[in-house]
Amino acid sequence: MGIPRGVRAAALIAAAVLLGLLAVQGSYALWNAAVSSSPGSVSAASFTVNLTGTSTGQSTSMTLAGGQSAVLALTGGATVLTPGTSAYAGVLVGNASDAGGPFSISLTAAGASIANVGTGSLAAYLSVNAKTAATTTDCAVPTGYSTSVLTSSLTTAAVPKGGSTVICFQVSLSPSAPAAVKGQSVNITVPVTAQQL
């Protein structure tokens, strides 16, 4: 008696499937490596930006202990503002980071505000413009003050690690200022922010 033809065909198909499975089976390897290292130290870099008032010589780090922003008082020297005149001051900004590799920053002066002292009305007659400069003496040069930091922003070029730039400010009294504002005072605040590039 012989093997029926259907059983032979099924056995042949099963053998072909088994052979196919054996032919495509993969292999795997388990990789494991270990390297020991000697103890070392980890140090953090500082993001230090120093500010120096050009008229006062006052110097401070931009960020104080505890994370508070520094306040730097600038004065226009002995300039007396009369209608149509301006006073000038500036700040020397130094990139004193100790980070490894290049660490350039840019600075932006924007969002300035003028507040009257007491019941005065002088603020309405003042404008505050800014420019960047190569040296602090350039602040007294009246040209180039095209950016109003009351309504716009001024951003410096890149300041490399160890480098510095100067941001100059011009405060001008409108020619239409009335005699009633004579002797009044204001507080002008110009926020300056630094950003790593």
N, C-alpha and C. Protein backbone atom coordinates (compact mmCIF):
# COMPACT_ATOMS: atom_id res chain seq x y z
N MET A 1 0.83 -1.15 0.00
CA MET A 1 0.00 0.00 0.00
C MET A 1 0.88 1.23 0.00
N GLY A 2 0.55 2.23 -0.76
CA GLY A 2 1.37 3.42 -0.89
C GLY A 2 0.79 4.60 -0.11
N ILE A 3 1.58 5.64 0.01
CA ILE A 3 1.16 6.85 0.72
C ILE A 3 0.25 7.62 -0.23
N PRO A 4 -0.92 8.00 0.27
CA PRO A 4 -1.84 8.71 -0.60
C PRO A 4 -1.20 10.02 -1.09
N ARG A 5 -1.60 10.37 -2.27
CA ARG A 5 -1.03 11.53 -2.95
C ARG A 5 -1.26 12.82 -2.15
N GLY A 6 -2.38 13.06 -1.53
CA GLY A 6 -2.68 14.26 -0.73
C GLY A 6 -1.76 14.38 0.48
N VAL A 7 -1.45 13.21 1.10
CA VAL A 7 -0.57 13.23 2.27
C VAL A 7 0.85 13.56 1.82
N ARG A 8 1.25 12.98 0.65
CA ARG A 8 2.59 13.29 0.14
C ARG A 8 2.72 14.78 -0.18
N ALA A 9 1.71 15.38 -0.77
CA ALA A 9 1.75 16.81 -1.11
C ALA A 9 1.82 17.65 0.16
N ALA A 10 1.05 17.28 1.20
CA ALA A 10 1.06 18.02 2.46
C ALA A 10 2.43 17.91 3.13
N ALA A 11 3.03 16.70 3.08
CA ALA A 11 4.35 16.51 3.68
C ALA A 11 5.40 17.31 2.93
N LEU A 12 5.27 17.36 1.61
CA LEU A 12 6.21 18.12 0.81
C LEU A 12 6.10 19.62 1.10
N ILE A 13 4.87 20.13 1.24
CA ILE A 13 4.65 21.55 1.57
C ILE A 13 5.19 21.86 2.96
N ALA A 14 4.94 20.96 3.94
CA ALA A 14 5.44 21.17 5.30
C ALA A 14 6.96 21.18 5.32
N ALA A 15 7.59 20.29 4.53
CA ALA A 15 9.05 20.25 4.46
C ALA A 15 9.60 21.53 3.83
N ALA A 16 8.90 22.05 2.80
CA ALA A 16 9.34 23.29 2.15
C ALA A 16 9.23 24.47 3.10
N VAL A 17 8.11 24.54 3.87
CA VAL A 17 7.93 25.63 4.84
C VAL A 17 9.00 25.55 5.92
N LEU A 18 9.28 24.35 6.43
CA LEU A 18 10.30 24.16 7.46
C LEU A 18 11.67 24.55 6.94
N LEU A 19 11.96 24.14 5.69
CA LEU A 19 13.24 24.50 5.08
C LEU A 19 13.34 26.01 4.91
N GLY A 20 12.22 26.67 4.51
CA GLY A 20 12.21 28.13 4.36
C GLY A 20 12.44 28.83 5.68
N LEU A 21 11.81 28.32 6.72
CA LEU A 21 11.99 28.93 8.04
C LEU A 21 13.43 28.77 8.53
N LEU A 22 14.01 27.62 8.27
CA LEU A 22 15.39 27.40 8.69
C LEU A 22 16.35 28.29 7.90
N ALA A 23 16.01 28.57 6.64
CA ALA A 23 16.89 29.37 5.80
C ALA A 23 16.88 30.85 6.20
N VAL A 24 15.72 31.36 6.70
CA VAL A 24 15.64 32.79 7.02
C VAL A 24 15.84 33.09 8.49
N GLN A 25 16.08 32.11 9.28
CA GLN A 25 16.24 32.41 10.70
C GLN A 25 17.47 33.26 10.92
N GLY A 26 17.38 34.19 11.84
CA GLY A 26 18.49 35.10 12.10
C GLY A 26 19.34 34.62 13.25
N SER A 27 20.32 35.43 13.55
CA SER A 27 21.15 35.14 14.71
C SER A 27 21.24 36.42 15.52
N TYR A 28 21.61 36.33 16.71
CA TYR A 28 21.76 37.50 17.55
C TYR A 28 23.02 37.36 18.39
N ALA A 29 23.50 38.52 18.81
CA ALA A 29 24.68 38.52 19.67
C ALA A 29 24.40 39.48 20.82
N LEU A 30 24.88 39.18 21.94
CA LEU A 30 24.73 40.03 23.10
C LEU A 30 26.07 40.73 23.33
N TRP A 31 26.05 42.04 23.23
CA TRP A 31 27.28 42.81 23.40
C TRP A 31 27.27 43.41 24.80
N ASN A 32 28.37 43.35 25.44
CA ASN A 32 28.48 43.91 26.77
C ASN A 32 29.92 44.39 26.94
N ALA A 33 30.05 45.64 27.36
CA ALA A 33 31.40 46.17 27.58
C ALA A 33 31.37 47.04 28.82
N ALA A 34 32.45 47.09 29.50
CA ALA A 34 32.56 47.92 30.70
C ALA A 34 33.90 48.62 30.67
N VAL A 35 33.88 49.92 31.02
CA VAL A 35 35.10 50.70 31.08
C VAL A 35 35.11 51.42 32.42
N SER A 36 36.20 51.36 33.09
CA SER A 36 36.28 52.08 34.37
C SER A 36 36.93 53.43 34.12
N SER A 37 36.51 54.42 34.89
CA SER A 37 37.12 55.75 34.77
C SER A 37 37.56 56.22 36.14
N SER A 38 38.56 57.04 36.11
CA SER A 38 39.05 57.56 37.38
C SER A 38 38.19 58.73 37.81
N PRO A 39 38.13 59.00 39.09
CA PRO A 39 37.32 60.11 39.58
C PRO A 39 37.80 61.45 39.00
N GLY A 40 36.87 62.34 38.75
CA GLY A 40 37.21 63.65 38.23
C GLY A 40 36.39 64.72 38.93
N SER A 41 36.47 65.91 38.42
CA SER A 41 35.70 66.99 39.02
C SER A 41 34.83 67.63 37.96
N VAL A 42 33.71 68.13 38.38
CA VAL A 42 32.78 68.82 37.49
C VAL A 42 32.73 70.27 37.95
N SER A 43 32.88 71.18 37.00
CA SER A 43 32.80 72.59 37.37
C SER A 43 31.80 73.30 36.47
N ALA A 44 31.15 74.29 37.00
CA ALA A 44 30.16 75.05 36.26
C ALA A 44 30.78 76.36 35.79
N ALA A 45 30.34 76.82 34.64
CA ALA A 45 30.82 78.09 34.12
C ALA A 45 29.91 79.21 34.61
N SER A 46 30.43 80.40 34.65
CA SER A 46 29.61 81.54 35.06
C SER A 46 29.22 82.35 33.84
N PHE A 47 28.00 82.86 33.86
CA PHE A 47 27.49 83.75 32.82
C PHE A 47 27.55 85.15 33.43
N THR A 48 28.76 85.72 33.41
CA THR A 48 28.97 86.99 34.09
C THR A 48 29.02 88.13 33.09
N VAL A 49 28.17 89.12 33.31
CA VAL A 49 28.15 90.33 32.49
C VAL A 49 28.35 91.50 33.44
N ASN A 50 29.41 92.26 33.23
CA ASN A 50 29.73 93.39 34.10
C ASN A 50 29.26 94.70 33.48
N LEU A 51 28.75 95.59 34.31
CA LEU A 51 28.27 96.90 33.88
C LEU A 51 29.07 97.98 34.59
N THR A 52 29.47 99.00 33.85
CA THR A 52 30.16 100.15 34.44
C THR A 52 29.55 101.42 33.87
N GLY A 53 29.06 102.29 34.74
CA GLY A 53 28.49 103.56 34.30
C GLY A 53 29.57 104.47 33.77
N THR A 54 29.37 105.03 32.58
CA THR A 54 30.41 105.87 31.98
C THR A 54 30.56 107.20 32.68
N SER A 55 29.50 107.70 33.30
CA SER A 55 29.59 109.00 33.95
C SER A 55 29.89 108.88 35.45
N THR A 56 29.48 107.77 36.06
CA THR A 56 29.65 107.63 37.50
C THR A 56 30.83 106.74 37.88
N GLY A 57 31.23 105.84 36.97
CA GLY A 57 32.30 104.90 37.28
C GLY A 57 31.82 103.75 38.15
N GLN A 58 30.53 103.75 38.53
CA GLN A 58 29.98 102.67 39.34
C GLN A 58 30.02 101.38 38.52
N SER A 59 30.44 100.28 39.16
CA SER A 59 30.56 99.00 38.47
C SER A 59 29.82 97.92 39.25
N THR A 60 29.16 97.02 38.53
CA THR A 60 28.44 95.93 39.17
C THR A 60 28.28 94.78 38.18
N SER A 61 28.01 93.60 38.71
CA SER A 61 27.65 92.47 37.86
C SER A 61 26.18 92.65 37.49
N MET A 62 25.81 92.22 36.30
CA MET A 62 24.43 92.39 35.84
C MET A 62 23.44 91.61 36.71
N THR A 63 23.87 90.46 37.23
CA THR A 63 23.01 89.65 38.09
C THR A 63 23.66 89.54 39.46
N LEU A 64 22.91 89.92 40.49
CA LEU A 64 23.42 89.90 41.85
C LEU A 64 23.19 88.54 42.49
N ALA A 65 23.79 88.32 43.66
CA ALA A 65 23.58 87.09 44.40
C ALA A 65 22.09 86.93 44.66
N GLY A 66 21.60 85.73 44.50
CA GLY A 66 20.18 85.48 44.69
C GLY A 66 19.38 85.65 43.40
N GLY A 67 20.05 86.04 42.31
CA GLY A 67 19.39 86.14 41.03
C GLY A 67 18.72 87.47 40.72
N GLN A 68 18.82 88.45 41.62
CA GLN A 68 18.21 89.75 41.35
C GLN A 68 19.00 90.51 40.29
N SER A 69 18.27 91.32 39.53
CA SER A 69 18.91 92.16 38.53
C SER A 69 19.58 93.35 39.20
N ALA A 70 20.72 93.74 38.67
CA ALA A 70 21.45 94.90 39.21
C ALA A 70 20.79 96.19 38.75
N VAL A 71 20.97 97.23 39.53
CA VAL A 71 20.51 98.57 39.17
C VAL A 71 21.75 99.45 39.14
N LEU A 72 21.94 100.12 38.02
CA LEU A 72 23.11 100.98 37.83
C LEU A 72 22.62 102.39 37.58
N ALA A 73 23.04 103.33 38.42
CA ALA A 73 22.62 104.72 38.26
C ALA A 73 23.52 105.42 37.27
N LEU A 74 22.92 106.07 36.30
CA LEU A 74 23.66 106.85 35.31
C LEU A 74 23.24 108.30 35.45
N THR A 75 24.17 109.20 35.26
CA THR A 75 23.84 110.62 35.28
C THR A 75 24.38 111.27 34.02
N GLY A 76 23.77 112.37 33.65
CA GLY A 76 24.22 113.10 32.48
C GLY A 76 25.29 114.11 32.80
N GLY A 77 25.97 113.91 33.90
CA GLY A 77 27.00 114.86 34.30
C GLY A 77 26.38 116.16 34.79
N ALA A 78 27.02 117.26 34.46
CA ALA A 78 26.54 118.57 34.94
C ALA A 78 25.63 119.24 33.92
N THR A 79 25.13 118.47 32.95
CA THR A 79 24.29 119.05 31.91
C THR A 79 22.96 119.52 32.48
N VAL A 80 22.60 120.76 32.17
CA VAL A 80 21.29 121.30 32.55
C VAL A 80 20.45 121.27 31.29
N LEU A 81 19.32 120.57 31.37
CA LEU A 81 18.46 120.49 30.20
C LEU A 81 17.61 121.75 30.07
N THR A 82 17.64 122.30 28.90
CA THR A 82 16.75 123.40 28.54
C THR A 82 16.00 122.93 27.30
N PRO A 83 14.87 123.52 26.98
CA PRO A 83 14.10 123.05 25.82
C PRO A 83 14.98 122.95 24.57
N GLY A 84 14.91 121.76 23.94
CA GLY A 84 15.68 121.50 22.72
C GLY A 84 17.08 120.96 22.94
N THR A 85 17.49 120.72 24.19
CA THR A 85 18.84 120.20 24.45
C THR A 85 18.77 118.75 24.95
N SER A 86 19.94 118.13 25.04
CA SER A 86 20.03 116.72 25.44
C SER A 86 21.12 116.51 26.48
N ALA A 87 20.98 115.45 27.24
CA ALA A 87 22.02 114.99 28.17
C ALA A 87 22.40 113.58 27.75
N TYR A 88 23.66 113.20 28.01
CA TYR A 88 24.17 111.93 27.52
C TYR A 88 24.79 111.13 28.67
N ALA A 89 24.60 109.81 28.61
CA ALA A 89 25.23 108.89 29.57
C ALA A 89 25.32 107.53 28.88
N GLY A 90 26.09 106.65 29.46
CA GLY A 90 26.21 105.33 28.86
C GLY A 90 26.68 104.29 29.84
N VAL A 91 26.71 103.07 29.37
CA VAL A 91 27.15 101.96 30.20
C VAL A 91 28.10 101.09 29.37
N LEU A 92 29.25 100.77 29.98
CA LEU A 92 30.22 99.86 29.38
C LEU A 92 29.83 98.45 29.83
N VAL A 93 29.60 97.55 28.88
CA VAL A 93 29.15 96.19 29.19
C VAL A 93 30.25 95.22 28.80
N GLY A 94 30.70 94.41 29.77
CA GLY A 94 31.77 93.45 29.52
C GLY A 94 31.29 92.02 29.65
N ASN A 95 31.68 91.17 28.70
CA ASN A 95 31.36 89.74 28.74
C ASN A 95 32.48 89.04 29.50
N ALA A 96 32.27 88.77 30.78
CA ALA A 96 33.31 88.18 31.63
C ALA A 96 33.04 86.71 31.94
N SER A 97 32.37 86.01 31.05
CA SER A 97 32.09 84.59 31.26
C SER A 97 33.38 83.80 31.32
N ASP A 98 33.40 82.75 32.15
CA ASP A 98 34.57 81.88 32.19
C ASP A 98 34.27 80.51 31.57
N ALA A 99 33.24 80.47 30.72
CA ALA A 99 32.88 79.22 30.04
C ALA A 99 33.97 78.82 29.05
N GLY A 100 34.14 77.52 28.87
CA GLY A 100 35.11 77.05 27.88
C GLY A 100 34.58 77.28 26.48
N GLY A 101 35.48 77.51 25.57
CA GLY A 101 35.09 77.73 24.18
C GLY A 101 34.51 79.11 23.96
N PRO A 102 34.07 79.37 22.73
CA PRO A 102 33.50 80.69 22.43
C PRO A 102 32.18 80.88 23.17
N PHE A 103 31.91 82.06 23.63
CA PHE A 103 30.71 82.33 24.43
C PHE A 103 30.31 83.78 24.19
N SER A 104 29.77 84.06 23.03
CA SER A 104 29.36 85.43 22.70
C SER A 104 27.97 85.72 23.24
N ILE A 105 27.73 87.00 23.51
CA ILE A 105 26.43 87.45 23.99
C ILE A 105 25.99 88.66 23.15
N SER A 106 24.72 88.96 23.22
CA SER A 106 24.22 90.23 22.70
C SER A 106 23.38 90.85 23.79
N LEU A 107 23.26 92.16 23.75
CA LEU A 107 22.51 92.89 24.77
C LEU A 107 21.39 93.67 24.09
N THR A 108 20.27 93.77 24.79
CA THR A 108 19.12 94.50 24.26
C THR A 108 18.64 95.50 25.30
N ALA A 109 18.50 96.75 24.87
CA ALA A 109 17.92 97.80 25.70
C ALA A 109 16.53 98.09 25.14
N ALA A 110 15.52 97.91 25.96
CA ALA A 110 14.14 98.11 25.49
C ALA A 110 13.21 98.28 26.69
N GLY A 111 12.03 98.81 26.42
CA GLY A 111 11.02 98.93 27.47
C GLY A 111 11.31 100.02 28.48
N ALA A 112 11.98 101.08 28.05
CA ALA A 112 12.30 102.18 28.97
C ALA A 112 11.02 102.85 29.46
N SER A 113 11.11 103.42 30.64
CA SER A 113 9.97 104.16 31.19
C SER A 113 10.48 105.44 31.87
N ILE A 114 9.63 106.46 31.85
CA ILE A 114 9.95 107.73 32.50
C ILE A 114 8.84 108.00 33.50
N ALA A 115 9.22 108.20 34.76
CA ALA A 115 8.23 108.46 35.82
C ALA A 115 8.51 109.82 36.45
N ASN A 116 7.47 110.63 36.54
CA ASN A 116 7.60 111.93 37.20
C ASN A 116 7.84 111.74 38.69
N VAL A 117 8.65 112.60 39.26
CA VAL A 117 8.85 112.61 40.70
C VAL A 117 7.84 113.60 41.28
N GLY A 118 7.07 113.13 42.23
CA GLY A 118 6.03 114.01 42.82
C GLY A 118 4.89 114.25 41.84
N THR A 119 4.42 115.48 41.81
CA THR A 119 3.28 115.82 40.96
C THR A 119 3.70 116.49 39.66
N GLY A 120 4.95 116.33 39.27
CA GLY A 120 5.47 116.98 38.06
C GLY A 120 4.87 116.43 36.78
N SER A 121 5.17 117.12 35.69
CA SER A 121 4.69 116.70 34.37
C SER A 121 5.82 116.68 33.34
N LEU A 122 7.06 116.67 33.80
CA LEU A 122 8.23 116.72 32.92
C LEU A 122 8.32 115.52 31.99
N ALA A 123 7.91 114.32 32.44
CA ALA A 123 8.07 113.09 31.67
C ALA A 123 7.47 113.20 30.27
N ALA A 124 6.38 113.90 30.13
CA ALA A 124 5.71 114.01 28.84
C ALA A 124 6.55 114.75 27.80
N TYR A 125 7.57 115.46 28.22
CA TYR A 125 8.38 116.28 27.31
C TYR A 125 9.78 115.70 27.06
N LEU A 126 10.01 114.48 27.55
CA LEU A 126 11.32 113.86 27.40
C LEU A 126 11.29 112.68 26.43
N SER A 127 12.39 112.48 25.74
CA SER A 127 12.56 111.29 24.90
C SER A 127 13.89 110.64 25.30
N VAL A 128 13.97 109.31 25.12
CA VAL A 128 15.19 108.57 25.45
C VAL A 128 15.56 107.73 24.24
N ASN A 129 16.71 108.04 23.66
CA ASN A 129 17.22 107.30 22.50
C ASN A 129 18.53 106.62 22.87
N ALA A 130 18.88 105.61 22.09
CA ALA A 130 20.11 104.84 22.39
C ALA A 130 20.88 104.54 21.11
N LYS A 131 22.17 104.24 21.31
CA LYS A 131 23.02 103.77 20.22
C LYS A 131 24.12 102.92 20.85
N THR A 132 24.80 102.13 20.01
CA THR A 132 25.97 101.40 20.48
C THR A 132 27.21 102.18 20.05
N ALA A 133 28.28 101.98 20.78
CA ALA A 133 29.50 102.71 20.48
C ALA A 133 30.71 101.84 20.81
N ALA A 134 31.84 102.20 20.24
CA ALA A 134 33.08 101.47 20.49
C ALA A 134 33.75 101.93 21.78
N THR A 135 33.61 103.22 22.11
CA THR A 135 34.24 103.75 23.33
C THR A 135 33.22 104.59 24.10
N THR A 136 33.50 104.80 25.35
CA THR A 136 32.59 105.59 26.19
C THR A 136 32.55 107.06 25.79
N THR A 137 33.62 107.56 25.21
CA THR A 137 33.63 108.97 24.79
C THR A 137 32.69 109.22 23.62
N ASP A 138 32.33 108.16 22.88
CA ASP A 138 31.40 108.31 21.76
C ASP A 138 29.98 108.66 22.22
N CYS A 139 29.69 108.44 23.50
CA CYS A 139 28.34 108.75 23.99
C CYS A 139 28.04 110.25 23.90
N ALA A 140 29.04 111.09 24.02
CA ALA A 140 28.84 112.54 23.98
C ALA A 140 28.66 113.06 22.55
N VAL A 141 28.89 112.20 21.56
CA VAL A 141 28.71 112.61 20.16
C VAL A 141 27.22 112.50 19.84
N PRO A 142 26.55 113.61 19.49
CA PRO A 142 25.09 113.59 19.36
C PRO A 142 24.53 112.85 18.15
N THR A 143 25.36 112.39 17.24
CA THR A 143 24.85 111.68 16.06
C THR A 143 24.69 110.19 16.35
N GLY A 144 23.78 109.55 15.62
CA GLY A 144 23.60 108.11 15.72
C GLY A 144 22.54 107.65 16.70
N TYR A 145 21.92 108.55 17.41
CA TYR A 145 20.88 108.18 18.38
C TYR A 145 19.54 108.06 17.65
N SER A 146 19.36 106.95 16.93
CA SER A 146 18.16 106.80 16.11
C SER A 146 17.12 105.85 16.69
N THR A 147 17.44 105.15 17.78
CA THR A 147 16.52 104.18 18.35
C THR A 147 15.92 104.69 19.65
N SER A 148 14.60 104.83 19.67
CA SER A 148 13.91 105.21 20.90
C SER A 148 13.70 103.96 21.74
N VAL A 149 14.27 103.93 22.93
CA VAL A 149 14.09 102.76 23.79
C VAL A 149 12.79 102.84 24.58
N LEU A 150 12.01 103.90 24.36
CA LEU A 150 10.67 103.99 24.93
C LEU A 150 9.68 103.20 24.09
N THR A 151 9.89 103.16 22.79
CA THR A 151 8.94 102.51 21.88
C THR A 151 9.54 101.38 21.08
N SER A 152 10.83 101.22 21.09
CA SER A 152 11.51 100.21 20.27
C SER A 152 12.62 99.57 21.09
N SER A 153 13.49 98.82 20.43
CA SER A 153 14.59 98.18 21.15
C SER A 153 15.89 98.35 20.37
N LEU A 154 16.98 98.33 21.11
CA LEU A 154 18.32 98.41 20.53
C LEU A 154 19.06 97.14 20.93
N THR A 155 19.55 96.39 19.94
CA THR A 155 20.31 95.17 20.21
C THR A 155 21.72 95.34 19.68
N THR A 156 22.70 95.01 20.51
CA THR A 156 24.11 95.17 20.14
C THR A 156 24.55 94.04 19.21
N ALA A 157 25.67 94.25 18.58
CA ALA A 157 26.33 93.17 17.85
C ALA A 157 26.87 92.16 18.87
N ALA A 158 27.32 91.02 18.39
CA ALA A 158 27.85 89.99 19.28
C ALA A 158 29.05 90.52 20.06
N VAL A 159 29.07 90.24 21.36
CA VAL A 159 30.19 90.62 22.23
C VAL A 159 30.88 89.32 22.64
N PRO A 160 32.11 89.07 22.15
CA PRO A 160 32.79 87.82 22.46
C PRO A 160 33.24 87.76 23.92
N LYS A 161 33.53 86.55 24.36
CA LYS A 161 34.04 86.35 25.73
C LYS A 161 35.30 87.19 25.90
N GLY A 162 35.34 87.97 26.97
CA GLY A 162 36.48 88.84 27.23
C GLY A 162 36.35 90.20 26.56
N GLY A 163 35.33 90.37 25.72
CA GLY A 163 35.14 91.63 25.01
C GLY A 163 34.13 92.54 25.70
N SER A 164 33.93 93.72 25.14
CA SER A 164 32.97 94.66 25.71
C SER A 164 32.37 95.53 24.62
N THR A 165 31.29 96.19 24.97
CA THR A 165 30.66 97.16 24.09
C THR A 165 30.10 98.27 24.95
N VAL A 166 29.68 99.35 24.32
CA VAL A 166 29.12 100.49 25.04
C VAL A 166 27.72 100.75 24.52
N ILE A 167 26.78 100.92 25.43
CA ILE A 167 25.43 101.35 25.07
C ILE A 167 25.28 102.78 25.59
N CYS A 168 24.99 103.70 24.68
CA CYS A 168 24.86 105.12 25.02
C CYS A 168 23.40 105.53 25.03
N PHE A 169 23.06 106.47 25.92
CA PHE A 169 21.70 106.97 26.03
C PHE A 169 21.69 108.50 25.89
N GLN A 170 20.68 108.98 25.20
CA GLN A 170 20.47 110.41 25.00
C GLN A 170 19.08 110.75 25.54
N VAL A 171 19.03 111.65 26.51
CA VAL A 171 17.75 112.13 27.05
C VAL A 171 17.57 113.55 26.54
N SER A 172 16.48 113.77 25.79
CA SER A 172 16.25 115.08 25.17
C SER A 172 14.97 115.71 25.70
N LEU A 173 15.05 117.03 25.92
CA LEU A 173 13.88 117.80 26.36
C LEU A 173 13.28 118.48 25.13
N SER A 174 12.01 118.27 24.94
CA SER A 174 11.31 118.82 23.77
C SER A 174 11.44 120.34 23.72
N PRO A 175 11.59 120.91 22.51
CA PRO A 175 11.64 122.36 22.37
C PRO A 175 10.33 123.04 22.82
N SER A 176 9.25 122.26 22.84
CA SER A 176 7.95 122.82 23.24
C SER A 176 7.67 122.68 24.74
N ALA A 177 8.66 122.27 25.52
CA ALA A 177 8.45 122.12 26.96
C ALA A 177 8.13 123.47 27.59
N PRO A 178 7.07 123.55 28.39
CA PRO A 178 6.68 124.83 29.00
C PRO A 178 7.59 125.20 30.18
N ALA A 179 7.58 126.42 30.53
CA ALA A 179 8.39 126.90 31.66
C ALA A 179 7.95 126.25 32.97
N ALA A 180 6.73 125.73 33.01
CA ALA A 180 6.20 125.12 34.24
C ALA A 180 6.96 123.86 34.66
N VAL A 181 7.69 123.20 33.73
CA VAL A 181 8.42 121.98 34.08
C VAL A 181 9.81 122.28 34.62
N LYS A 182 10.19 123.54 34.64
CA LYS A 182 11.52 123.92 35.12
C LYS A 182 11.70 123.47 36.57
N GLY A 183 12.84 122.80 36.83
CA GLY A 183 13.16 122.35 38.18
C GLY A 183 12.54 121.01 38.55
N GLN A 184 11.72 120.43 37.70
CA GLN A 184 11.10 119.14 38.01
C GLN A 184 12.08 118.00 37.76
N SER A 185 11.79 116.84 38.34
CA SER A 185 12.66 115.67 38.21
C SER A 185 11.87 114.46 37.73
N VAL A 186 12.59 113.55 37.10
CA VAL A 186 12.00 112.29 36.67
C VAL A 186 12.97 111.15 36.99
N ASN A 187 12.44 109.94 37.04
CA ASN A 187 13.25 108.73 37.11
C ASN A 187 13.10 108.00 35.80
N ILE A 188 14.21 107.71 35.13
CA ILE A 188 14.20 107.01 33.86
C ILE A 188 14.79 105.62 34.09
N THR A 189 14.04 104.60 33.68
CA THR A 189 14.50 103.22 33.81
C THR A 189 14.62 102.62 32.43
N VAL A 190 15.80 102.04 32.13
CA VAL A 190 16.02 101.37 30.85
C VAL A 190 16.50 99.95 31.14
N PRO A 191 15.62 98.95 31.00
CA PRO A 191 16.05 97.57 31.21
C PRO A 191 17.02 97.11 30.11
N VAL A 192 18.10 96.46 30.51
CA VAL A 192 19.07 95.91 29.56
C VAL A 192 19.17 94.41 29.87
N THR A 193 18.97 93.59 28.84
CA THR A 193 19.05 92.14 29.01
C THR A 193 20.19 91.58 28.17
N ALA A 194 20.78 90.49 28.63
CA ALA A 194 21.86 89.82 27.92
C ALA A 194 21.39 88.44 27.51
N GLN A 195 21.83 88.02 26.32
CA GLN A 195 21.45 86.70 25.82
C GLN A 195 22.67 86.04 25.20
N GLN A 196 22.85 84.75 25.51
CA GLN A 196 23.95 83.99 24.90
C GLN A 196 23.59 83.70 23.45
N LEU A 197 24.55 83.86 22.56
CA LEU A 197 24.33 83.58 21.14
C LEU A 197 24.75 82.17 20.79
